[in-house]
Amino acid sequence: MSAPDAQLGGTGLTEKTVSRVAELTLICGVALAVLAFGGTEPASFALVEILLMGAAALLIARAGRDAVHFSAKTLLVPAVLAAVVLLQLCPLPLGAWERLAPGENSTPGVGLARLTIEPYSTRAHFLILLTCIIAFYLAQIAARDRQHKRRLIRFVTILGAFEAFYGLVQYLTGWQKIFAYVKKYDLEEATGTYINRNHYAGFLGMVLPFSLALVFYEYESLRRNPLHPAASLKKLMIRPNLEKLIFWQAVAVVIFAGIIFSRSRMGIVAASASLFVIFGLSAFSRFHGKMGHLLSASFLVVSICLALWIGPGAIVARFASVSDEYTLKDQSRLSIWRDDVRLIRQHLWLGTGFGTFPIAFTAVQTTFLGKFVNHAHNDYLEVASDLGLPAALVLFASVVFALARAIVTSLSAQERFERLVALGCAGSIVAVLLHSLVDFNLYIPANALFFSMILGLAMATPPRQSMARSEAR
């Protein structure tokens, strides 16, 4: 029996089977969440939660400790976040509660109180958090088998291509429906199966780097298996790797076009920044030749030509109006951020409760009076107000750590597939970190789930381990 087929803990499940279960669970979960309005419909995302929690329970019960063993680095941050939310939900004696949050929201006559100002919202968001944590670990399990890891990445890239194509059909034909549902918002933009164009662009921005990583992967396959100089052009054109390279290049162009015609300004900026990261890392890497630069240039040229052919006027108009949203004194994102900073100061250490921003914000609201502000349009500020500043710092510091790890792996790992997966992870994380400055993609269940999977892939293979595996081969 080979090592990959060895049984784990005497349960009858092989390592390959465990990895396969993790892969299929992620594929089904991400697809269902994305296609069902980005997971914003509670009933549909409840199916995703059941699916991932059921898979986690199965692996823990049947595969044993070997399948769910992870390094201390990957256990710390999820444990801290879960502990903070559980503390917010836990009924505390009034004395202890007043020491943590003096002068706030006690329960008269009961002698107990909770730190969260709205337990129902915090419980609902806690389930989403647990689902994302499971996705983070399932991605690491799936990554243990290279074939499953490759299939997972190809699937999510195809899913992104479908979303991009669907959005372009909406934009070009005016058919503004999500399957049978007639859209009510963003009726002149591409949104795919999402309700909001910004979250649609956020999802595509995370997928785009992986499509380009697959382009580089097929290019390296071609470079490692060169044809004889006397080979005919016909033999060159029918090579499978060349066909795949052209296919993934076309997929990348379609995905980038979907982002552009979502007309999401920060989505376009974040995706463009991720492209610079990918092309920059590719240029600094010693594994890419001049052809790699040509592939990057051809992608940009084709994407620009496609945008010009469709018509960039609407996109230019959107960027021309950007100053209006940031100069209005009382009706802008800046005014929401200013009020949210006050909210953070009032609940600095443990926050108002995960998912309670819409309710908590009313206590400090001085902008958009008479309107319901459901999000801060800044993930950093909203997480800080919901969970407290320490938990927010832990979360985003861990994301930056995963980014740094992906960058190092993309530059130093000898095994080309691991290197290019890390390249895709780095570009995706950069896109999310930038987009989070002005939006709330991390509060959209499908995007949070997919981002958790990306972080899991980024943490799955350390650079030295990648190099050791390559040297062993």
Protein backbone atom coordinates (compact mmCIF):
# COMPACT_ATOMS: atom_id res chain seq x y z
CA MET A 1 0.00 0.00 0.00
CA SER A 2 1.49 3.34 -1.03
CA ALA A 3 1.78 6.24 1.40
CA PRO A 4 -1.08 8.31 -0.11
CA ASP A 5 -3.37 5.29 0.17
CA ALA A 6 -2.47 4.48 3.76
CA GLN A 7 -5.38 4.21 6.17
CA LEU A 8 -5.75 6.93 8.78
CA GLY A 9 -6.23 5.86 12.36
CA GLY A 10 -7.44 2.39 11.34
CA THR A 11 -10.83 3.79 10.26
CA GLY A 12 -10.82 2.57 6.67
CA LEU A 13 -10.50 6.06 5.20
CA THR A 14 -7.32 6.63 3.21
CA GLU A 15 -5.50 9.93 3.06
CA LYS A 16 -6.54 10.28 -0.58
CA THR A 17 -10.19 9.68 0.32
CA VAL A 18 -10.07 12.33 3.04
CA SER A 19 -8.53 14.82 0.61
CA ARG A 20 -11.18 13.92 -1.96
CA VAL A 21 -14.00 14.53 0.54
CA ALA A 22 -12.52 17.93 1.39
CA GLU A 23 -12.21 18.83 -2.29
CA LEU A 24 -15.78 17.83 -3.20
CA THR A 25 -17.19 19.59 -0.14
CA LEU A 26 -15.45 22.85 -1.06
CA ILE A 27 -16.51 22.59 -4.70
CA CYS A 28 -20.16 22.03 -3.80
CA GLY A 29 -20.16 24.60 -0.99
CA VAL A 30 -18.54 27.42 -2.94
CA ALA A 31 -20.67 26.76 -6.03
CA LEU A 32 -23.92 26.74 -4.05
CA ALA A 33 -23.02 29.88 -2.12
CA VAL A 34 -21.96 31.83 -5.22
CA LEU A 35 -24.86 30.77 -7.44
CA ALA A 36 -27.48 31.44 -4.74
CA PHE A 37 -27.16 35.25 -4.73
CA GLY A 38 -23.67 35.18 -3.22
CA GLY A 39 -24.94 33.40 -0.11
CA THR A 40 -26.98 36.41 1.02
CA GLU A 41 -30.16 34.33 1.10
CA PRO A 42 -30.10 32.75 4.60
CA ALA A 43 -31.99 29.60 3.59
CA SER A 44 -29.60 28.75 0.74
CA PHE A 45 -26.49 29.47 2.76
CA ALA A 46 -27.88 27.30 5.55
CA LEU A 47 -27.46 24.38 3.14
CA VAL A 48 -23.80 25.36 2.71
CA GLU A 49 -23.37 25.47 6.49
CA ILE A 50 -24.94 22.01 6.86
CA LEU A 51 -22.76 20.65 4.06
CA LEU A 52 -19.45 21.89 5.46
CA MET A 53 -20.25 21.14 9.09
CA GLY A 54 -21.43 17.67 8.12
CA ALA A 55 -18.23 17.02 6.19
CA ALA A 56 -16.15 18.25 9.13
CA ALA A 57 -18.06 15.96 11.52
CA LEU A 58 -17.57 13.02 9.14
CA LEU A 59 -13.83 13.55 8.88
CA ILE A 60 -13.41 13.98 12.62
CA ALA A 61 -15.48 10.86 13.35
CA ARG A 62 -14.16 8.57 10.61
CA ALA A 63 -10.68 9.78 9.68
CA GLY A 64 -9.30 10.36 13.14
CA ARG A 65 -6.72 12.74 14.44
CA ASP A 66 -4.29 12.32 11.53
CA ALA A 67 -6.73 13.89 9.06
CA VAL A 68 -7.54 16.91 11.20
CA HIS A 69 -4.08 17.60 12.59
CA PHE A 70 -2.85 21.11 11.82
CA SER A 71 0.06 23.26 12.91
CA ALA A 72 -0.30 25.60 15.88
CA LYS A 73 0.05 28.60 13.54
CA THR A 74 -3.14 27.69 11.69
CA LEU A 75 -5.09 26.93 14.89
CA LEU A 76 -4.42 30.11 16.85
CA VAL A 77 -6.31 32.81 14.91
CA PRO A 78 -9.54 30.82 14.25
CA ALA A 79 -9.57 29.84 17.94
CA VAL A 80 -9.19 33.48 19.03
CA LEU A 81 -11.98 34.69 16.72
CA ALA A 82 -14.36 31.92 17.80
CA ALA A 83 -13.55 32.56 21.47
CA VAL A 84 -14.30 36.28 21.14
CA VAL A 85 -17.70 35.63 19.55
CA LEU A 86 -18.56 32.96 22.13
CA LEU A 87 -17.63 35.41 24.89
CA GLN A 88 -19.96 37.96 23.32
CA LEU A 89 -22.78 35.39 23.38
CA CYS A 90 -22.07 33.97 26.82
CA PRO A 91 -24.38 35.22 29.60
CA LEU A 92 -22.13 36.86 32.17
CA PRO A 93 -22.84 37.83 35.81
CA LEU A 94 -23.51 41.53 36.01
CA GLY A 95 -20.36 42.21 38.00
CA ALA A 96 -18.09 40.61 35.41
CA TRP A 97 -20.13 42.10 32.59
CA GLU A 98 -19.86 45.65 33.96
CA ARG A 99 -16.09 45.30 34.25
CA LEU A 100 -15.89 44.37 30.57
CA ALA A 101 -18.53 46.83 29.31
CA PRO A 102 -19.46 49.35 32.00
CA GLY A 103 -22.78 51.12 31.64
CA GLU A 104 -24.11 48.96 28.79
CA ASN A 105 -27.10 46.71 28.03
CA SER A 106 -27.78 44.64 31.15
CA THR A 107 -30.83 42.40 31.59
CA PRO A 108 -33.00 43.73 34.45
CA GLY A 109 -34.04 41.24 37.09
CA VAL A 110 -31.96 38.41 35.67
CA GLY A 111 -28.51 39.18 37.00
CA LEU A 112 -26.97 38.18 33.67
CA ALA A 113 -26.05 40.09 30.52
CA ARG A 114 -24.37 39.54 27.18
CA LEU A 115 -21.69 41.64 25.54
CA THR A 116 -23.46 41.51 22.18
CA ILE A 117 -26.27 44.01 21.79
CA GLU A 118 -28.23 41.66 19.50
CA PRO A 119 -27.68 37.93 20.22
CA TYR A 120 -29.65 36.64 17.22
CA SER A 121 -27.42 38.45 14.69
CA THR A 122 -24.29 37.35 16.52
CA ARG A 123 -25.43 33.71 16.55
CA ALA A 124 -26.20 33.84 12.81
CA HIS A 125 -22.80 35.35 12.03
CA PHE A 126 -21.09 32.88 14.34
CA LEU A 127 -22.43 30.03 12.18
CA ILE A 128 -21.04 31.78 9.09
CA LEU A 129 -17.70 32.21 10.87
CA LEU A 130 -17.60 28.51 11.77
CA THR A 131 -18.38 27.61 8.14
CA CYS A 132 -15.52 29.79 6.94
CA ILE A 133 -13.14 28.28 9.50
CA ILE A 134 -14.08 24.80 8.29
CA ALA A 135 -13.46 25.89 4.68
CA PHE A 136 -10.03 27.16 5.75
CA TYR A 137 -9.10 23.74 7.14
CA LEU A 138 -10.75 21.74 4.35
CA ALA A 139 -8.63 23.68 1.84
CA GLN A 140 -5.50 22.58 3.71
CA ILE A 141 -6.70 18.96 3.69
CA ALA A 142 -7.54 19.07 -0.04
CA ALA A 143 -4.13 20.61 -0.75
CA ARG A 144 -2.40 17.50 0.61
CA ASP A 145 -3.17 15.76 -2.67
CA ARG A 146 -1.84 17.59 -5.71
CA GLN A 147 -4.48 16.21 -8.08
CA HIS A 148 -7.35 17.30 -5.85
CA LYS A 149 -5.76 20.68 -5.31
CA ARG A 150 -5.39 21.22 -9.06
CA ARG A 151 -8.98 20.15 -9.71
CA LEU A 152 -10.27 22.48 -6.99
CA ILE A 153 -8.46 25.48 -8.45
CA ARG A 154 -9.60 24.70 -11.97
CA PHE A 155 -13.20 24.36 -10.81
CA VAL A 156 -13.32 27.72 -9.03
CA THR A 157 -11.70 29.34 -12.07
CA ILE A 158 -14.38 27.86 -14.33
CA LEU A 159 -17.01 29.04 -11.85
CA GLY A 160 -15.53 32.54 -12.10
CA ALA A 161 -15.61 32.33 -15.91
CA PHE A 162 -19.29 31.35 -15.76
CA GLU A 163 -20.05 34.28 -13.47
CA ALA A 164 -18.13 36.67 -15.72
CA PHE A 165 -19.86 35.40 -18.87
CA TYR A 166 -23.27 35.58 -17.18
CA GLY A 167 -22.55 39.18 -16.15
CA LEU A 168 -21.43 40.15 -19.64
CA VAL A 169 -24.66 38.72 -21.07
CA GLN A 170 -26.59 40.87 -18.59
CA TYR A 171 -24.61 43.96 -19.52
CA LEU A 172 -24.66 43.52 -23.30
CA THR A 173 -28.25 42.31 -23.75
CA GLY A 174 -30.07 44.09 -20.94
CA TRP A 175 -31.38 40.73 -19.70
CA GLN A 176 -31.24 41.67 -16.03
CA LYS A 177 -32.20 38.43 -14.34
CA ILE A 178 -30.55 36.03 -11.93
CA PHE A 179 -31.98 32.79 -13.25
CA ALA A 180 -35.77 33.34 -12.71
CA TYR A 181 -35.32 36.27 -10.32
CA VAL A 182 -35.79 39.74 -11.84
CA LYS A 183 -33.13 42.13 -10.57
CA LYS A 184 -34.18 45.30 -8.78
CA TYR A 185 -30.77 46.95 -8.34
CA ASP A 186 -27.71 47.62 -10.52
CA LEU A 187 -29.77 47.22 -13.67
CA GLU A 188 -27.12 48.64 -16.00
CA GLU A 189 -24.17 46.64 -14.74
CA ALA A 190 -22.87 43.08 -14.84
CA THR A 191 -23.62 41.33 -11.55
CA GLY A 192 -23.78 37.63 -12.50
CA THR A 193 -25.68 35.74 -9.81
CA TYR A 194 -24.90 38.43 -7.22
CA ILE A 195 -27.31 41.16 -6.19
CA ASN A 196 -24.60 43.81 -5.80
CA ARG A 197 -22.04 44.65 -8.50
CA ASN A 198 -19.29 45.34 -5.96
CA HIS A 199 -19.52 41.88 -4.44
CA TYR A 200 -19.66 40.32 -7.89
CA ALA A 201 -16.46 42.21 -8.76
CA GLY A 202 -15.00 41.16 -5.41
CA PHE A 203 -15.53 37.48 -6.21
CA LEU A 204 -14.12 37.79 -9.73
CA GLY A 205 -11.17 39.74 -8.35
CA MET A 206 -10.29 36.72 -6.20
CA VAL A 207 -10.65 34.29 -9.14
CA LEU A 208 -8.70 36.32 -11.72
CA PRO A 209 -5.22 35.64 -10.24
CA PHE A 210 -5.82 31.88 -10.37
CA SER A 211 -6.79 32.02 -14.05
CA LEU A 212 -3.50 33.78 -14.80
CA ALA A 213 -1.60 31.32 -12.59
CA LEU A 214 -3.03 28.51 -14.77
CA VAL A 215 -1.80 30.37 -17.86
CA PHE A 216 1.74 30.46 -16.46
CA TYR A 217 1.44 26.83 -15.41
CA GLU A 218 0.63 25.68 -18.95
CA TYR A 219 3.40 27.91 -20.31
CA GLU A 220 5.93 26.23 -18.03
CA SER A 221 4.66 22.84 -19.18
CA LEU A 222 5.35 23.90 -22.76
CA ARG A 223 8.77 25.23 -21.86
CA ARG A 224 9.74 22.00 -20.10
CA ASN A 225 8.76 19.94 -23.15
CA PRO A 226 10.08 21.91 -26.16
CA LEU A 227 9.54 20.73 -29.72
CA HIS A 228 12.39 19.96 -32.07
CA PRO A 229 13.41 23.12 -33.98
CA ALA A 230 12.37 21.48 -37.25
CA ALA A 231 8.84 20.74 -36.01
CA SER A 232 6.06 22.14 -38.15
CA LEU A 233 3.68 24.91 -37.11
CA LYS A 234 0.85 22.36 -37.27
CA LYS A 235 2.52 20.19 -34.63
CA LEU A 236 3.00 23.24 -32.46
CA MET A 237 -0.65 24.29 -32.72
CA ILE A 238 -2.07 20.87 -31.78
CA ARG A 239 -0.01 20.51 -28.61
CA PRO A 240 -2.40 20.00 -25.65
CA ASN A 241 -0.53 22.41 -23.38
CA LEU A 242 -0.75 25.17 -25.97
CA GLU A 243 -4.49 24.65 -26.31
CA LYS A 244 -4.87 24.80 -22.54
CA LEU A 245 -2.73 27.93 -22.38
CA ILE A 246 -4.94 29.68 -24.94
CA PHE A 247 -8.07 28.50 -23.12
CA TRP A 248 -6.97 29.80 -19.71
CA GLN A 249 -5.79 33.05 -21.29
CA ALA A 250 -9.28 33.49 -22.79
CA VAL A 251 -10.86 32.68 -19.42
CA ALA A 252 -8.68 35.32 -17.72
CA VAL A 253 -9.71 37.93 -20.32
CA VAL A 254 -13.41 37.13 -19.85
CA ILE A 255 -13.10 37.35 -16.05
CA PHE A 256 -11.31 40.70 -16.24
CA ALA A 257 -13.95 41.97 -18.68
CA GLY A 258 -16.64 40.92 -16.19
CA ILE A 259 -14.91 42.99 -13.50
CA ILE A 260 -14.65 46.01 -15.79
CA PHE A 261 -18.31 45.93 -16.81
CA SER A 262 -19.52 45.46 -13.27
CA ARG A 263 -18.58 49.16 -13.15
CA SER A 264 -17.34 48.65 -9.62
CA ARG A 265 -14.62 51.25 -9.29
CA MET A 266 -12.78 49.70 -6.38
CA GLY A 267 -13.32 46.25 -7.88
CA ILE A 268 -11.49 47.38 -11.00
CA VAL A 269 -8.73 49.08 -8.99
CA ALA A 270 -8.27 46.06 -6.71
CA ALA A 271 -8.18 43.62 -9.64
CA SER A 272 -5.67 45.82 -11.47
CA ALA A 273 -3.48 45.96 -8.37
CA SER A 274 -3.58 42.17 -8.11
CA LEU A 275 -2.44 42.00 -11.76
CA PHE A 276 0.55 44.20 -10.97
CA VAL A 277 1.40 41.90 -8.05
CA ILE A 278 1.17 38.79 -10.22
CA PHE A 279 3.16 40.26 -13.09
CA GLY A 280 5.69 41.74 -10.68
CA LEU A 281 6.23 38.45 -8.86
CA SER A 282 6.48 36.72 -12.22
CA ALA A 283 9.11 39.18 -13.36
CA PHE A 284 11.18 38.75 -10.19
CA SER A 285 10.88 34.99 -10.21
CA ARG A 286 13.80 33.13 -11.75
CA PHE A 287 11.42 30.54 -13.19
CA HIS A 288 9.84 32.66 -15.95
CA GLY A 289 11.49 33.67 -19.18
CA LYS A 290 10.73 36.37 -21.72
CA MET A 291 7.69 34.43 -22.88
CA GLY A 292 6.14 34.99 -19.46
CA HIS A 293 6.32 38.75 -19.99
CA LEU A 294 4.80 38.31 -23.43
CA LEU A 295 1.87 36.39 -21.94
CA SER A 296 1.29 39.18 -19.43
CA ALA A 297 1.41 41.83 -22.14
CA SER A 298 -0.91 39.86 -24.43
CA PHE A 299 -3.46 39.49 -21.63
CA LEU A 300 -3.48 43.24 -21.01
CA VAL A 301 -3.69 44.09 -24.73
CA VAL A 302 -6.55 41.68 -25.42
CA SER A 303 -8.44 42.82 -22.30
CA ILE A 304 -8.11 46.50 -23.25
CA CYS A 305 -9.17 45.80 -26.83
CA LEU A 306 -12.22 43.88 -25.64
CA ALA A 307 -13.19 46.71 -23.29
CA LEU A 308 -12.78 49.28 -26.07
CA TRP A 309 -14.83 47.14 -28.45
CA ILE A 310 -17.71 46.80 -25.97
CA GLY A 311 -17.50 50.47 -25.04
CA PRO A 312 -15.78 52.00 -22.00
CA GLY A 313 -17.93 55.14 -21.75
CA ALA A 314 -20.01 53.95 -18.79
CA ILE A 315 -16.92 52.90 -16.86
CA VAL A 316 -15.18 56.22 -17.49
CA ALA A 317 -18.29 58.04 -16.28
CA ARG A 318 -18.28 56.01 -13.07
CA PHE A 319 -14.70 57.00 -12.29
CA ALA A 320 -15.44 60.62 -13.18
CA SER A 321 -18.05 60.76 -10.41
CA VAL A 322 -15.86 59.24 -7.70
CA SER A 323 -15.20 62.59 -6.02
CA ASP A 324 -18.92 63.07 -5.39
CA GLU A 325 -19.04 60.15 -2.96
CA TYR A 326 -16.06 61.31 -0.93
CA THR A 327 -16.60 65.06 -0.80
CA LEU A 328 -20.19 65.19 0.40
CA LYS A 329 -19.97 66.18 4.02
CA ASP A 330 -22.99 64.36 5.42
CA GLN A 331 -23.86 61.73 2.80
CA SER A 332 -20.72 59.76 2.00
CA ARG A 333 -18.64 56.75 3.00
CA LEU A 334 -16.33 59.11 4.86
CA SER A 335 -19.15 60.25 7.11
CA ILE A 336 -20.07 56.61 7.87
CA TRP A 337 -16.45 55.83 8.69
CA ARG A 338 -16.23 58.83 11.00
CA ASP A 339 -19.26 57.64 12.97
CA ASP A 340 -17.97 54.07 13.03
CA VAL A 341 -14.68 55.24 14.56
CA ARG A 342 -16.74 56.70 17.41
CA LEU A 343 -18.50 53.36 17.78
CA ILE A 344 -15.14 51.55 17.93
CA ARG A 345 -13.92 53.89 20.66
CA GLN A 346 -17.02 53.15 22.73
CA HIS A 347 -16.55 49.36 22.41
CA LEU A 348 -12.81 49.18 21.94
CA TRP A 349 -11.91 45.80 23.43
CA LEU A 350 -14.72 43.35 22.68
CA GLY A 351 -16.95 45.16 20.21
CA THR A 352 -20.73 45.40 20.03
CA GLY A 353 -21.24 41.82 18.89
CA PHE A 354 -20.43 40.05 15.63
CA GLY A 355 -22.91 41.13 12.95
CA THR A 356 -24.53 43.86 15.03
CA PHE A 357 -23.21 46.89 13.13
CA PRO A 358 -26.61 47.90 11.60
CA ILE A 359 -28.15 48.13 15.08
CA ALA A 360 -25.15 49.46 16.98
CA PHE A 361 -24.51 52.17 14.39
CA THR A 362 -27.81 53.90 15.19
CA ALA A 363 -26.38 54.98 18.55
CA VAL A 364 -23.68 57.08 16.87
CA GLN A 365 -25.32 57.84 13.51
CA THR A 366 -25.04 61.44 12.31
CA THR A 367 -25.18 60.70 8.58
CA PHE A 368 -27.85 59.32 6.24
CA LEU A 369 -30.41 60.27 8.87
CA GLY A 370 -33.73 58.52 8.34
CA LYS A 371 -31.99 55.72 6.43
CA PHE A 372 -30.86 52.27 7.50
CA VAL A 373 -27.06 51.90 7.21
CA ASN A 374 -26.48 48.15 7.08
CA HIS A 375 -22.69 48.12 6.64
CA ALA A 376 -19.72 50.41 7.23
CA HIS A 377 -18.43 49.97 3.64
CA ASN A 378 -15.04 49.24 5.16
CA ASP A 379 -14.30 45.72 6.40
CA TYR A 380 -11.50 46.89 8.69
CA LEU A 381 -13.71 49.34 10.59
CA GLU A 382 -16.75 47.06 10.68
CA VAL A 383 -14.80 44.09 12.03
CA ALA A 384 -13.22 46.36 14.65
CA SER A 385 -16.61 47.66 15.79
CA ASP A 386 -18.15 44.16 15.79
CA LEU A 387 -15.34 42.17 17.45
CA GLY A 388 -13.22 44.84 19.08
CA LEU A 389 -9.91 46.31 17.96
CA PRO A 390 -7.64 43.50 19.31
CA ALA A 391 -9.55 40.76 17.45
CA ALA A 392 -9.57 42.85 14.26
CA LEU A 393 -5.81 43.35 14.49
CA VAL A 394 -5.29 39.60 15.01
CA LEU A 395 -7.49 38.78 12.00
CA PHE A 396 -5.95 41.17 9.51
CA ALA A 397 -2.39 40.58 10.76
CA SER A 398 -2.93 36.87 10.05
CA VAL A 399 -4.17 37.70 6.54
CA VAL A 400 -1.04 39.77 5.91
CA PHE A 401 1.04 36.85 7.23
CA ALA A 402 -0.69 34.51 4.76
CA LEU A 403 0.03 37.02 1.99
CA ALA A 404 3.71 37.19 2.90
CA ARG A 405 3.88 33.41 2.99
CA ALA A 406 2.27 33.13 -0.45
CA ILE A 407 4.70 35.69 -1.89
CA VAL A 408 7.74 33.85 -0.49
CA THR A 409 6.44 30.53 -1.82
CA SER A 410 5.75 31.99 -5.27
CA LEU A 411 9.35 33.22 -5.48
CA SER A 412 11.27 30.39 -3.83
CA ALA A 413 9.42 27.08 -4.16
CA GLN A 414 10.99 24.70 -6.66
CA GLU A 415 7.82 22.74 -7.44
CA ARG A 416 6.12 24.77 -10.16
CA PHE A 417 2.53 23.89 -9.32
CA GLU A 418 2.93 24.95 -5.68
CA ARG A 419 4.68 28.11 -6.85
CA LEU A 420 1.85 29.09 -9.18
CA VAL A 421 -0.87 28.28 -6.65
CA ALA A 422 0.93 30.60 -4.24
CA LEU A 423 1.05 33.23 -6.99
CA GLY A 424 -2.74 33.01 -7.36
CA CYS A 425 -3.24 33.20 -3.60
CA ALA A 426 -1.04 36.30 -3.33
CA GLY A 427 -2.96 38.12 -6.07
CA SER A 428 -6.33 37.19 -4.55
CA ILE A 429 -5.39 38.32 -1.04
CA VAL A 430 -4.12 41.67 -2.36
CA ALA A 431 -7.39 42.18 -4.23
CA VAL A 432 -9.47 41.53 -1.10
CA LEU A 433 -7.32 43.68 1.18
CA LEU A 434 -7.67 46.64 -1.19
CA HIS A 435 -11.36 46.15 -1.92
CA SER A 436 -12.07 45.92 1.83
CA LEU A 437 -11.04 49.56 2.22
CA VAL A 438 -14.34 50.75 0.73
CA ASP A 439 -16.67 47.76 0.78
CA PHE A 440 -17.83 44.79 2.84
CA ASN A 441 -16.95 41.69 0.83
CA LEU A 442 -15.98 39.83 4.00
CA TYR A 443 -19.59 40.15 5.19
CA ILE A 444 -20.91 38.52 2.00
CA PRO A 445 -21.05 34.80 2.89
CA ALA A 446 -19.96 33.43 -0.51
CA ASN A 447 -17.00 35.79 -0.75
CA ALA A 448 -15.98 35.19 2.87
CA LEU A 449 -16.17 31.43 2.27
CA PHE A 450 -14.07 31.61 -0.89
CA PHE A 451 -11.55 33.92 0.76
CA SER A 452 -11.22 31.48 3.68
CA MET A 453 -10.47 28.73 1.18
CA ILE A 454 -7.77 30.90 -0.42
CA LEU A 455 -6.17 31.54 2.97
CA GLY A 456 -6.20 27.79 3.60
CA LEU A 457 -4.42 27.15 0.31
CA ALA A 458 -1.89 29.88 1.07
CA MET A 459 -1.09 28.28 4.44
CA ALA A 460 -1.11 24.70 3.16
CA THR A 461 2.45 24.33 1.88
CA PRO A 462 5.35 26.24 3.47
CA PRO A 463 8.12 27.28 1.05
CA ARG A 464 10.72 24.95 2.59
CA GLN A 465 8.32 22.02 2.42
CA SER A 466 7.69 22.73 -1.26
CA MET A 467 11.41 22.77 -1.91
CA ALA A 468 11.97 19.59 0.09
CA ARG A 469 9.31 17.71 -1.84
CA SER A 470 10.80 18.82 -5.14
CA GLU A 471 14.28 17.78 -4.11
CA ALA A 472 12.95 14.39 -2.95
CA ARG A 473 11.63 13.84 -6.46
